[in-house]
């Protein structure tokens, strides 16, 4: 296990963190990386599940081969089969040549399927067959294609609850969770919040040749905040404060009120403070709607009157 430190912040592959929960995560990754076991990562949005998948790949015997990340929820239902398994020339309108899908692109490497519970149930059946047999057919084809791919899947839901809600097949869950890993939320990571914030600030200082620092008040604010958006939210918060601050970063002055004084959600009604920036109000509305629909992005997009792609772009920004 290789770890490097930067001012007490340990690095493991593409991951950073020095807390006990992260040390435990590193041990699990170290044990499973050199195997071909299928891994299921379960954790909140923004906890770094794709980085964990990348680290497993980098520490594996497949590290010289492709790592292909796929967001299952970002591909429409009628296109996902061709995207995963490819298609033959002439198999449908617009198929002017044979196409190798993500499974073939990841040959002898690692395929990372993020948001696995967003995959349509009928596609989950076909995915199960690939996991069990190691073969599939391209859309419009009749010949079996054999593939050697290491599978890592991820979800921001509780997998057992997803099964009960009909979003994930139980047999697929058992096949994916050969080695399940629970990814800790940032609020569970002891002193990692301050260490990560300092790490992100150092990177910005190096990039822009500055010497900015956090005020004590800012550090106190960051420790007190629950960071529902986890590491992704923390990184964005530091960057925003860096842009808006002088030599000393003041979190309470330059981060949105939505982050430090959350709008109240009571009986499905979201109450905002007058004067909240429009972008922040939009963010809170989207996240509250997503929570209302228990993470179901299709229902969230429909309720908000936006496309699924637009929703994913917003969530990626947040």
C-alpha atoms as a PDB file:
ATOM      1  CA  UNK A   1       0.000   0.000   0.000  1.00  0.00           C
ATOM      2  CA  UNK A   2       1.549   3.270  -1.100  1.00  0.00           C
ATOM      3  CA  UNK A   3       0.658   6.472   0.698  1.00  0.00           C
ATOM      4  CA  UNK A   4       2.242   9.901   0.393  1.00  0.00           C
ATOM      5  CA  UNK A   5       1.547  12.780   2.748  1.00  0.00           C
ATOM      6  CA  UNK A   6       1.200  16.515   2.200  1.00  0.00           C
ATOM      7  CA  UNK A   7       1.039  18.462   5.465  1.00  0.00           C
ATOM      8  CA  UNK A   8      -0.704  15.539   7.229  1.00  0.00           C
ATOM      9  CA  UNK A   9      -3.086  14.857   4.320  1.00  0.00           C
ATOM     10  CA  UNK A  10      -2.473  11.337   3.025  1.00  0.00           C
ATOM     11  CA  UNK A  11      -2.860  10.399  -0.603  1.00  0.00           C
ATOM     12  CA  UNK A  12      -3.860   6.920  -1.736  1.00  0.00           C
ATOM     13  CA  UNK A  13      -4.145   6.606  -5.505  1.00  0.00           C
ATOM     14  CA  UNK A  14      -6.469   9.423  -6.557  1.00  0.00           C
ATOM     15  CA  UNK A  15      -7.926   9.762  -3.033  1.00  0.00           C
ATOM     16  CA  UNK A  16      -7.027  12.157  -0.221  1.00  0.00           C
ATOM     17  CA  UNK A  17      -7.806  11.771   3.468  1.00  0.00           C
ATOM     18  CA  UNK A  18      -6.165  10.965   6.788  1.00  0.00           C
ATOM     19  CA  UNK A  19      -9.141  10.026   8.975  1.00  0.00           C
ATOM     20  CA  UNK A  20      -9.693   6.579  10.414  1.00  0.00           C
ATOM     21  CA  UNK A  21     -12.658   6.010   8.108  1.00  0.00           C
ATOM     22  CA  UNK A  22     -10.481   6.739   5.077  1.00  0.00           C
ATOM     23  CA  UNK A  23      -7.689   4.487   6.370  1.00  0.00           C
ATOM     24  CA  UNK A  24     -10.266   1.705   6.573  1.00  0.00           C
ATOM     25  CA  UNK A  25     -11.406   2.492   3.016  1.00  0.00           C
ATOM     26  CA  UNK A  26      -7.796   2.351   1.786  1.00  0.00           C
ATOM     27  CA  UNK A  27      -7.358  -1.094   3.351  1.00  0.00           C
ATOM     28  CA  UNK A  28     -10.462  -2.408   1.600  1.00  0.00           C
ATOM     29  CA  UNK A  29      -9.326  -1.005  -1.752  1.00  0.00           C
ATOM     30  CA  UNK A  30      -5.854  -2.468  -1.277  1.00  0.00           C
ATOM     31  CA  UNK A  31      -7.261  -5.942  -0.617  1.00  0.00           C
ATOM     32  CA  UNK A  32      -9.681  -6.045  -3.548  1.00  0.00           C
ATOM     33  CA  UNK A  33      -7.648  -4.196  -6.200  1.00  0.00           C
ATOM     34  CA  UNK A  34      -5.450  -7.122  -7.271  1.00  0.00           C
ATOM     35  CA  UNK A  35      -8.412  -9.476  -7.609  1.00  0.00           C
ATOM     36  CA  UNK A  36     -10.994  -9.571 -10.385  1.00  0.00           C
ATOM     37  CA  UNK A  37     -13.888  -9.402  -7.914  1.00  0.00           C
ATOM     38  CA  UNK A  38     -16.846  -7.232  -8.895  1.00  0.00           C
ATOM     39  CA  UNK A  39     -17.125  -4.216  -6.572  1.00  0.00           C
ATOM     40  CA  UNK A  40     -20.232  -2.271  -5.568  1.00  0.00           C
ATOM     41  CA  UNK A  41     -19.622   1.226  -4.167  1.00  0.00           C
ATOM     42  CA  UNK A  42     -22.465   2.731  -2.147  1.00  0.00           C
ATOM     43  CA  UNK A  43     -22.266   6.301  -0.895  1.00  0.00           C
ATOM     44  CA  UNK A  44     -23.736   9.780  -1.120  1.00  0.00           C
ATOM     45  CA  UNK A  45     -23.228  12.033  -4.137  1.00  0.00           C
ATOM     46  CA  UNK A  46     -19.921  13.871  -4.039  1.00  0.00           C
ATOM     47  CA  UNK A  47     -18.049  11.299  -1.943  1.00  0.00           C
ATOM     48  CA  UNK A  48     -15.689  10.342  -4.769  1.00  0.00           C
ATOM     49  CA  UNK A  49     -16.987   6.974  -5.960  1.00  0.00           C
ATOM     50  CA  UNK A  50     -15.469   7.390  -9.430  1.00  0.00           C
ATOM     51  CA  UNK A  51     -12.113   8.277  -7.852  1.00  0.00           C
ATOM     52  CA  UNK A  52     -12.306   5.080  -5.806  1.00  0.00           C
ATOM     53  CA  UNK A  53     -13.034   3.086  -8.959  1.00  0.00           C
ATOM     54  CA  UNK A  54     -10.049   4.737 -10.683  1.00  0.00           C
ATOM     55  CA  UNK A  55      -7.821   3.900  -7.721  1.00  0.00           C
ATOM     56  CA  UNK A  56      -8.911   0.245  -7.751  1.00  0.00           C
ATOM     57  CA  UNK A  57      -8.100   0.140 -11.463  1.00  0.00           C
ATOM     58  CA  UNK A  58      -4.705   1.814 -11.008  1.00  0.00           C
ATOM     59  CA  UNK A  59      -3.697  -0.687  -8.319  1.00  0.00           C
ATOM     60  CA  UNK A  60      -4.872  -3.701 -10.327  1.00  0.00           C
ATOM     61  CA  UNK A  61      -3.123  -5.884 -12.887  1.00  0.00           C
ATOM     62  CA  UNK A  62      -5.351  -4.189 -15.489  1.00  0.00           C
ATOM     63  CA  UNK A  63      -3.854  -0.726 -14.926  1.00  0.00           C
ATOM     64  CA  UNK A  64      -2.310  -0.569 -18.420  1.00  0.00           C
ATOM     65  CA  UNK A  65      -5.672  -1.303 -20.019  1.00  0.00           C
ATOM     66  CA  UNK A  66      -8.663   1.076 -20.396  1.00  0.00           C
ATOM     67  CA  UNK A  67     -10.739   2.486 -17.537  1.00  0.00           C
ATOM     68  CA  UNK A  68     -14.155   3.338 -18.963  1.00  0.00           C
ATOM     69  CA  UNK A  69     -16.597   5.298 -16.733  1.00  0.00           C
ATOM     70  CA  UNK A  70     -20.290   5.250 -17.697  1.00  0.00           C
ATOM     71  CA  UNK A  71     -23.097   7.214 -16.036  1.00  0.00           C
ATOM     72  CA  UNK A  72     -26.119   4.954 -16.475  1.00  0.00           C
ATOM     73  CA  UNK A  73     -28.602   7.730 -15.751  1.00  0.00           C
ATOM     74  CA  UNK A  74     -27.198  10.029 -18.415  1.00  0.00           C
ATOM     75  CA  UNK A  75     -28.009   7.636 -21.272  1.00  0.00           C
ATOM     76  CA  UNK A  76     -31.621   7.411 -22.443  1.00  0.00           C
ATOM     77  CA  UNK A  77     -33.315   4.042 -22.087  1.00  0.00           C
ATOM     78  CA  UNK A  78     -33.575   3.306 -25.816  1.00  0.00           C
ATOM     79  CA  UNK A  79     -29.880   4.033 -26.406  1.00  0.00           C
ATOM     80  CA  UNK A  80     -28.260   2.337 -23.429  1.00  0.00           C
ATOM     81  CA  UNK A  81     -28.138  -1.170 -24.919  1.00  0.00           C
ATOM     82  CA  UNK A  82     -26.246   0.014 -28.001  1.00  0.00           C
ATOM     83  CA  UNK A  83     -24.006   2.194 -25.827  1.00  0.00           C
ATOM     84  CA  UNK A  84     -23.014  -0.732 -23.600  1.00  0.00           C
ATOM     85  CA  UNK A  85     -22.914  -3.595 -26.094  1.00  0.00           C
ATOM     86  CA  UNK A  86     -22.410  -1.818 -29.421  1.00  0.00           C
ATOM     87  CA  UNK A  87     -24.346  -2.392 -32.638  1.00  0.00           C
ATOM     88  CA  UNK A  88     -23.951  -3.885 -36.082  1.00  0.00           C
ATOM     89  CA  UNK A  89     -24.051  -1.854 -39.269  1.00  0.00           C
ATOM     90  CA  UNK A  90     -27.639  -1.306 -40.406  1.00  0.00           C
ATOM     91  CA  UNK A  91     -29.153  -2.497 -37.121  1.00  0.00           C
ATOM     92  CA  UNK A  92     -31.202   0.699 -36.871  1.00  0.00           C
ATOM     93  CA  UNK A  93     -31.594   4.032 -38.653  1.00  0.00           C
ATOM     94  CA  UNK A  94     -28.302   5.895 -38.452  1.00  0.00           C
ATOM     95  CA  UNK A  95     -26.173   2.798 -37.772  1.00  0.00           C
ATOM     96  CA  UNK A  96     -23.930   3.335 -40.784  1.00  0.00           C
ATOM     97  CA  UNK A  97     -21.106   1.188 -39.416  1.00  0.00           C
ATOM     98  CA  UNK A  98     -20.362  -1.329 -36.701  1.00  0.00           C
ATOM     99  CA  UNK A  99     -19.886   0.250 -33.275  1.00  0.00           C
ATOM    100  CA  UNK A 100     -17.985  -1.203 -30.342  1.00  0.00           C
ATOM    101  CA  UNK A 101     -19.825  -0.452 -27.086  1.00  0.00           C
ATOM    102  CA  UNK A 102     -18.391   0.328 -23.680  1.00  0.00           C
ATOM    103  CA  UNK A 103     -17.841  -3.352 -22.839  1.00  0.00           C
ATOM    104  CA  UNK A 104     -15.617  -3.855 -25.873  1.00  0.00           C
ATOM    105  CA  UNK A 105     -13.887  -0.510 -25.301  1.00  0.00           C
ATOM    106  CA  UNK A 106     -13.008  -1.673 -21.774  1.00  0.00           C
ATOM    107  CA  UNK A 107     -11.625  -5.029 -22.962  1.00  0.00           C
ATOM    108  CA  UNK A 108      -9.094  -6.420 -20.439  1.00  0.00           C
ATOM    109  CA  UNK A 109      -9.597  -3.263 -18.388  1.00  0.00           C
ATOM    110  CA  UNK A 110     -12.228  -1.892 -16.002  1.00  0.00           C
ATOM    111  CA  UNK A 111     -15.794  -0.763 -16.705  1.00  0.00           C
ATOM    112  CA  UNK A 112     -17.257   1.596 -14.092  1.00  0.00           C
ATOM    113  CA  UNK A 113     -21.060   1.790 -14.113  1.00  0.00           C
ATOM    114  CA  UNK A 114     -22.107   4.775 -12.022  1.00  0.00           C
ATOM    115  CA  UNK A 115     -25.717   5.268 -10.848  1.00  0.00           C
ATOM    116  CA  UNK A 116     -26.485   1.607 -11.553  1.00  0.00           C
ATOM    117  CA  UNK A 117     -30.019   1.960 -10.132  1.00  0.00           C
ATOM    118  CA  UNK A 118     -30.829   4.388 -12.987  1.00  0.00           C
ATOM    119  CA  UNK A 119     -30.368   1.563 -15.504  1.00  0.00           C
ATOM    120  CA  UNK A 120     -33.722   0.262 -16.855  1.00  0.00           C
ATOM    121  CA  UNK A 121     -34.753  -3.093 -15.363  1.00  0.00           C
ATOM    122  CA  UNK A 122     -34.764  -4.864 -18.760  1.00  0.00           C
ATOM    123  CA  UNK A 123     -31.153  -3.766 -19.279  1.00  0.00           C
ATOM    124  CA  UNK A 124     -30.247  -5.048 -15.817  1.00  0.00           C
ATOM    125  CA  UNK A 125     -31.274  -8.539 -17.012  1.00  0.00           C
ATOM    126  CA  UNK A 126     -28.878  -8.285 -19.958  1.00  0.00           C
ATOM    127  CA  UNK A 127     -26.117  -6.946 -17.734  1.00  0.00           C
ATOM    128  CA  UNK A 128     -26.588  -9.918 -15.407  1.00  0.00           C
ATOM    129  CA  UNK A 129     -26.061 -12.284 -18.336  1.00  0.00           C
ATOM    130  CA  UNK A 130     -22.769 -10.610 -19.230  1.00  0.00           C
ATOM    131  CA  UNK A 131     -21.585 -10.858 -15.633  1.00  0.00           C
ATOM    132  CA  UNK A 132     -22.501 -14.528 -15.448  1.00  0.00           C
ATOM    133  CA  UNK A 133     -21.404 -15.687 -18.914  1.00  0.00           C
ATOM    134  CA  UNK A 134     -18.852 -13.107 -20.033  1.00  0.00           C
ATOM    135  CA  UNK A 135     -20.574 -12.830 -23.417  1.00  0.00           C
ATOM    136  CA  UNK A 136     -23.086 -10.553 -25.144  1.00  0.00           C
ATOM    137  CA  UNK A 137     -24.438  -9.771 -28.600  1.00  0.00           C
ATOM    138  CA  UNK A 138     -24.258  -6.408 -30.299  1.00  0.00           C
ATOM    139  CA  UNK A 139     -27.590  -4.800 -31.156  1.00  0.00           C
ATOM    140  CA  UNK A 140     -28.663  -6.256 -34.507  1.00  0.00           C
ATOM    141  CA  UNK A 141     -26.151  -9.097 -34.232  1.00  0.00           C
ATOM    142  CA  UNK A 142     -26.495 -12.817 -33.580  1.00  0.00           C
ATOM    143  CA  UNK A 143     -22.900 -13.719 -32.765  1.00  0.00           C
ATOM    144  CA  UNK A 144     -21.784 -13.859 -29.157  1.00  0.00           C
ATOM    145  CA  UNK A 145     -18.888 -11.558 -28.297  1.00  0.00           C
ATOM    146  CA  UNK A 146     -16.678 -12.773 -25.449  1.00  0.00           C
ATOM    147  CA  UNK A 147     -15.268 -10.078 -23.201  1.00  0.00           C
ATOM    148  CA  UNK A 148     -12.841  -9.911 -20.276  1.00  0.00           C
ATOM    149  CA  UNK A 149     -13.797  -6.856 -18.216  1.00  0.00           C
ATOM    150  CA  UNK A 150     -13.543  -6.060 -14.515  1.00  0.00           C
ATOM    151  CA  UNK A 151     -16.808  -4.511 -13.317  1.00  0.00           C
ATOM    152  CA  UNK A 152     -17.201  -1.797 -10.692  1.00  0.00           C
ATOM    153  CA  UNK A 153     -20.667  -0.353 -10.049  1.00  0.00           C
ATOM    154  CA  UNK A 154     -21.805   2.521  -7.850  1.00  0.00           C
ATOM    155  CA  UNK A 155     -24.979   3.971  -6.408  1.00  0.00           C
ATOM    156  CA  UNK A 156     -25.898   6.897  -4.149  1.00  0.00           C
ATOM    157  CA  UNK A 157     -28.839   4.869  -2.818  1.00  0.00           C
ATOM    158  CA  UNK A 158     -29.021   2.188  -0.167  1.00  0.00           C
ATOM    159  CA  UNK A 159     -28.783  -0.948  -2.392  1.00  0.00           C
ATOM    160  CA  UNK A 160     -31.241  -2.978  -0.306  1.00  0.00           C
ATOM    161  CA  UNK A 161     -33.775  -0.121  -0.410  1.00  0.00           C
ATOM    162  CA  UNK A 162     -33.283   0.169  -4.171  1.00  0.00           C
ATOM    163  CA  UNK A 163     -34.231  -3.515  -4.481  1.00  0.00           C
ATOM    164  CA  UNK A 164     -37.373  -2.978  -2.383  1.00  0.00           C
ATOM    165  CA  UNK A 165     -38.303   0.052  -4.523  1.00  0.00           C
ATOM    166  CA  UNK A 166     -37.952  -1.979  -7.722  1.00  0.00           C
ATOM    167  CA  UNK A 167     -35.013   0.058  -8.993  1.00  0.00           C
ATOM    168  CA  UNK A 168     -32.438  -2.726  -8.778  1.00  0.00           C
ATOM    169  CA  UNK A 169     -32.856  -6.446  -9.414  1.00  0.00           C
ATOM    170  CA  UNK A 170     -32.012  -8.517  -6.368  1.00  0.00           C
ATOM    171  CA  UNK A 171     -30.071 -11.091  -8.385  1.00  0.00           C
ATOM    172  CA  UNK A 172     -28.023  -8.304  -9.989  1.00  0.00           C
ATOM    173  CA  UNK A 173     -27.291  -6.799  -6.564  1.00  0.00           C
ATOM    174  CA  UNK A 174     -25.893 -10.121  -5.337  1.00  0.00           C
ATOM    175  CA  UNK A 175     -23.802 -10.448  -8.493  1.00  0.00           C
ATOM    176  CA  UNK A 176     -22.452  -6.896  -8.243  1.00  0.00           C
ATOM    177  CA  UNK A 177     -21.821  -6.927  -4.502  1.00  0.00           C
ATOM    178  CA  UNK A 178     -19.154  -9.627  -4.482  1.00  0.00           C
ATOM    179  CA  UNK A 179     -17.094  -7.019  -2.632  1.00  0.00           C
ATOM    180  CA  UNK A 180     -19.336  -4.185  -1.364  1.00  0.00           C
ATOM    181  CA  UNK A 181     -17.709  -0.965  -0.141  1.00  0.00           C
ATOM    182  CA  UNK A 182     -19.569   1.703   1.788  1.00  0.00           C
ATOM    183  CA  UNK A 183     -18.089   5.104   0.938  1.00  0.00           C
ATOM    184  CA  UNK A 184     -18.026   7.445   3.970  1.00  0.00           C
ATOM    185  CA  UNK A 185     -19.631  10.876   3.862  1.00  0.00           C
ATOM    186  CA  UNK A 186     -17.352  13.858   4.462  1.00  0.00           C
ATOM    187  CA  UNK A 187     -19.021  14.611   7.810  1.00  0.00           C
ATOM    188  CA  UNK A 188     -17.873  11.162   9.016  1.00  0.00           C
ATOM    189  CA  UNK A 189     -14.227  11.875   8.248  1.00  0.00           C
ATOM    190  CA  UNK A 190     -13.016  13.559  11.444  1.00  0.00           C
ATOM    191  CA  UNK A 191     -10.504  16.317  10.650  1.00  0.00           C
ATOM    192  CA  UNK A 192     -10.429  15.671   6.882  1.00  0.00           C
ATOM    193  CA  UNK A 193     -12.650  18.692   6.201  1.00  0.00           C
ATOM    194  CA  UNK A 194     -10.001  21.211   7.208  1.00  0.00           C
ATOM    195  CA  UNK A 195      -7.153  19.178   5.673  1.00  0.00           C
ATOM    196  CA  UNK A 196      -8.971  18.901   2.342  1.00  0.00           C
ATOM    197  CA  UNK A 197      -9.904  22.584   2.347  1.00  0.00           C
ATOM    198  CA  UNK A 198      -6.254  23.528   2.920  1.00  0.00           C
ATOM    199  CA  UNK A 199      -5.230  21.102   0.166  1.00  0.00           C
ATOM    200  CA  UNK A 200      -7.637  22.669  -2.337  1.00  0.00           C
ATOM    201  CA  UNK A 201      -6.484  26.163  -1.345  1.00  0.00           C
ATOM    202  CA  UNK A 202      -2.807  25.229  -1.732  1.00  0.00           C
ATOM    203  CA  UNK A 203      -3.522  23.963  -5.243  1.00  0.00           C
ATOM    204  CA  UNK A 204      -5.214  27.256  -6.151  1.00  0.00           C
ATOM    205  CA  UNK A 205      -2.344  29.265  -4.642  1.00  0.00           C
ATOM    206  CA  UNK A 206       0.196  27.290  -6.674  1.00  0.00           C
ATOM    207  CA  UNK A 207      -1.821  27.612  -9.873  1.00  0.00           C
ATOM    208  CA  UNK A 208      -2.322  31.364  -9.548  1.00  0.00           C
ATOM    209  CA  UNK A 209       0.925  32.175  -7.685  1.00  0.00           C
ATOM    210  CA  UNK A 210      -0.885  33.614  -4.671  1.00  0.00           C
ATOM    211  CA  UNK A 211      -0.566  33.137  -0.918  1.00  0.00           C
ATOM    212  CA  UNK A 212      -4.145  33.257   0.346  1.00  0.00           C
ATOM    213  CA  UNK A 213      -5.159  31.734   3.685  1.00  0.00           C
ATOM    214  CA  UNK A 214      -8.353  30.882   5.554  1.00  0.00           C
ATOM    215  CA  UNK A 215      -9.499  33.047   8.424  1.00  0.00           C
ATOM    216  CA  UNK A 216     -10.118  31.292  11.747  1.00  0.00           C
ATOM    217  CA  UNK A 217     -13.805  32.110  11.377  1.00  0.00           C
ATOM    218  CA  UNK A 218     -13.854  30.342   8.005  1.00  0.00           C
ATOM    219  CA  UNK A 219     -12.278  27.214   9.459  1.00  0.00           C
ATOM    220  CA  UNK A 220     -14.835  27.218  12.278  1.00  0.00           C
ATOM    221  CA  UNK A 221     -17.672  27.582   9.761  1.00  0.00           C
ATOM    222  CA  UNK A 222     -16.385  24.683   7.681  1.00  0.00           C
ATOM    223  CA  UNK A 223     -16.091  22.427  10.731  1.00  0.00           C
ATOM    224  CA  UNK A 224     -19.660  23.243  11.792  1.00  0.00           C
ATOM    225  CA  UNK A 225     -21.243  22.705   8.385  1.00  0.00           C
ATOM    226  CA  UNK A 226     -22.565  19.231   7.465  1.00  0.00           C
ATOM    227  CA  UNK A 227     -21.480  19.317   3.771  1.00  0.00           C
ATOM    228  CA  UNK A 228     -24.409  17.423   2.197  1.00  0.00           C
ATOM    229  CA  UNK A 229     -22.588  17.708  -1.144  1.00  0.00           C
ATOM    230  CA  UNK A 230     -19.508  16.129   0.429  1.00  0.00           C
ATOM    231  CA  UNK A 231     -16.007  16.595  -1.053  1.00  0.00           C
ATOM    232  CA  UNK A 232     -17.352  17.982  -4.333  1.00  0.00           C
ATOM    233  CA  UNK A 233     -19.254  20.699  -2.459  1.00  0.00           C
ATOM    234  CA  UNK A 234     -16.228  21.502  -0.285  1.00  0.00           C
ATOM    235  CA  UNK A 235     -13.956  21.876  -3.316  1.00  0.00           C
ATOM    236  CA  UNK A 236     -16.445  24.163  -5.065  1.00  0.00           C
ATOM    237  CA  UNK A 237     -16.879  26.201  -1.868  1.00  0.00           C
ATOM    238  CA  UNK A 238     -13.141  26.779  -1.535  1.00  0.00           C
ATOM    239  CA  UNK A 239     -12.850  27.780  -5.183  1.00  0.00           C
ATOM    240  CA  UNK A 240     -15.718  30.244  -4.919  1.00  0.00           C
ATOM    241  CA  UNK A 241     -14.331  31.803  -1.745  1.00  0.00           C
ATOM    242  CA  UNK A 242     -10.905  32.027  -3.388  1.00  0.00           C
ATOM    243  CA  UNK A 243     -12.317  33.926  -6.353  1.00  0.00           C
ATOM    244  CA  UNK A 244     -14.312  36.359  -4.223  1.00  0.00           C
ATOM    245  CA  UNK A 245     -11.831  36.933  -1.385  1.00  0.00           C
ATOM    246  CA  UNK A 246      -8.715  38.998  -0.914  1.00  0.00           C
ATOM    247  CA  UNK A 247      -5.686  37.578   0.881  1.00  0.00           C
ATOM    248  CA  UNK A 248      -7.859  36.043   3.594  1.00  0.00           C
ATOM    249  CA  UNK A 249     -10.755  33.738   2.695  1.00  0.00           C
ATOM    250  CA  UNK A 250     -13.955  34.496   4.605  1.00  0.00           C
ATOM    251  CA  UNK A 251     -16.356  31.609   4.173  1.00  0.00           C
ATOM    252  CA  UNK A 252     -19.286  33.332   5.889  1.00  0.00           C
ATOM    253  CA  UNK A 253     -18.924  36.387   3.656  1.00  0.00           C
ATOM    254  CA  UNK A 254     -18.429  34.714   0.310  1.00  0.00           C
ATOM    255  CA  UNK A 255     -20.212  31.368   0.349  1.00  0.00           C
ATOM    256  CA  UNK A 256     -23.892  31.401  -0.415  1.00  0.00           C
ATOM    257  CA  UNK A 257     -26.407  31.755   2.386  1.00  0.00           C
ATOM    258  CA  UNK A 258     -27.873  28.525   1.081  1.00  0.00           C
ATOM    259  CA  UNK A 259     -24.768  26.691   2.281  1.00  0.00           C
ATOM    260  CA  UNK A 260     -24.543  28.147   5.767  1.00  0.00           C
ATOM    261  CA  UNK A 261     -28.205  28.835   6.528  1.00  0.00           C
ATOM    262  CA  UNK A 262     -30.175  26.192   4.681  1.00  0.00           C
ATOM    263  CA  UNK A 263     -33.711  26.991   3.463  1.00  0.00           C
ATOM    264  CA  UNK A 264     -36.354  25.135   5.479  1.00  0.00           C
ATOM    265  CA  UNK A 265     -38.308  22.273   3.932  1.00  0.00           C
ATOM    266  CA  UNK A 266     -41.596  21.649   5.743  1.00  0.00           C
ATOM    267  CA  UNK A 267     -44.347  19.374   4.401  1.00  0.00           C
ATOM    268  CA  UNK A 268     -42.999  19.625   0.887  1.00  0.00           C
ATOM    269  CA  UNK A 269     -42.764  23.427   0.958  1.00  0.00           C
ATOM    270  CA  UNK A 270     -39.323  25.027   0.570  1.00  0.00           C
ATOM    271  CA  UNK A 271     -38.962  28.436   2.257  1.00  0.00           C
ATOM    272  CA  UNK A 272     -36.252  30.795   0.984  1.00  0.00           C
ATOM    273  CA  UNK A 273     -34.890  33.976   2.497  1.00  0.00           C
ATOM    274  CA  UNK A 274     -35.570  37.123   0.464  1.00  0.00           C
ATOM    275  CA  UNK A 275     -32.421  38.172  -1.362  1.00  0.00           C
ATOM    276  CA  UNK A 276     -30.991  34.690  -1.869  1.00  0.00           C
ATOM    277  CA  UNK A 277     -29.111  34.633  -5.204  1.00  0.00           C
ATOM    278  CA  UNK A 278     -31.191  33.078  -7.981  1.00  0.00           C
ATOM    279  CA  UNK A 279     -28.546  30.459  -8.759  1.00  0.00           C
ATOM    280  CA  UNK A 280     -28.502  29.361  -5.108  1.00  0.00           C
ATOM    281  CA  UNK A 281     -32.294  29.207  -4.941  1.00  0.00           C
ATOM    282  CA  UNK A 282     -32.328  27.064  -8.073  1.00  0.00           C
ATOM    283  CA  UNK A 283     -29.737  24.769  -6.528  1.00  0.00           C
ATOM    284  CA  UNK A 284     -31.767  24.285  -3.361  1.00  0.00           C
ATOM    285  CA  UNK A 285     -34.979  23.670  -5.315  1.00  0.00           C
ATOM    286  CA  UNK A 286     -33.352  21.018  -7.479  1.00  0.00           C
ATOM    287  CA  UNK A 287     -31.752  19.245  -4.497  1.00  0.00           C
ATOM    288  CA  UNK A 288     -34.971  19.401  -2.455  1.00  0.00           C
ATOM    289  CA  UNK A 289     -36.965  17.957  -5.366  1.00  0.00           C
ATOM    290  CA  UNK A 290     -34.393  15.198  -5.831  1.00  0.00           C
ATOM    291  CA  UNK A 291     -34.665  14.360  -2.123  1.00  0.00           C
ATOM    292  CA  UNK A 292     -38.491  14.386  -2.362  1.00  0.00           C
ATOM    293  CA  UNK A 293     -38.332  11.767  -5.119  1.00  0.00           C
ATOM    294  CA  UNK A 294     -35.769   9.733  -3.113  1.00  0.00           C
ATOM    295  CA  UNK A 295     -33.005  10.302  -5.629  1.00  0.00           C
ATOM    296  CA  UNK A 296     -35.004   9.317  -8.709  1.00  0.00           C
ATOM    297  CA  UNK A 297     -33.572  11.634 -11.351  1.00  0.00           C
ATOM    298  CA  UNK A 298     -36.159  10.915 -14.028  1.00  0.00           C
ATOM    299  CA  UNK A 299     -39.058  11.889 -11.751  1.00  0.00           C
ATOM    300  CA  UNK A 300     -37.088  14.929 -10.542  1.00  0.00           C
ATOM    301  CA  UNK A 301     -36.436  16.169 -14.082  1.00  0.00           C
ATOM    302  CA  UNK A 302     -40.090  15.654 -15.055  1.00  0.00           C
ATOM    303  CA  UNK A 303     -41.331  17.531 -11.988  1.00  0.00           C
ATOM    304  CA  UNK A 304     -38.974  20.450 -12.646  1.00  0.00           C
ATOM    305  CA  UNK A 305     -39.820  20.561 -16.346  1.00  0.00           C
ATOM    306  CA  UNK A 306     -36.204  20.059 -17.469  1.00  0.00           C
ATOM    307  CA  UNK A 307     -34.471  17.335 -19.439  1.00  0.00           C
ATOM    308  CA  UNK A 308     -32.603  14.536 -17.698  1.00  0.00           C
ATOM    309  CA  UNK A 309     -29.391  15.783 -19.334  1.00  0.00           C
ATOM    310  CA  UNK A 310     -29.943  19.294 -17.928  1.00  0.00           C
ATOM    311  CA  UNK A 311     -30.510  17.821 -14.460  1.00  0.00           C
ATOM    312  CA  UNK A 312     -27.275  15.838 -14.649  1.00  0.00           C
ATOM    313  CA  UNK A 313     -25.377  18.923 -15.760  1.00  0.00           C
ATOM    314  CA  UNK A 314     -26.762  20.900 -12.807  1.00  0.00           C
ATOM    315  CA  UNK A 315     -25.924  18.124 -10.328  1.00  0.00           C
ATOM    316  CA  UNK A 316     -22.427  17.859 -11.746  1.00  0.00           C
ATOM    317  CA  UNK A 317     -21.956  21.608 -11.233  1.00  0.00           C
ATOM    318  CA  UNK A 318     -23.224  21.346  -7.655  1.00  0.00           C
END
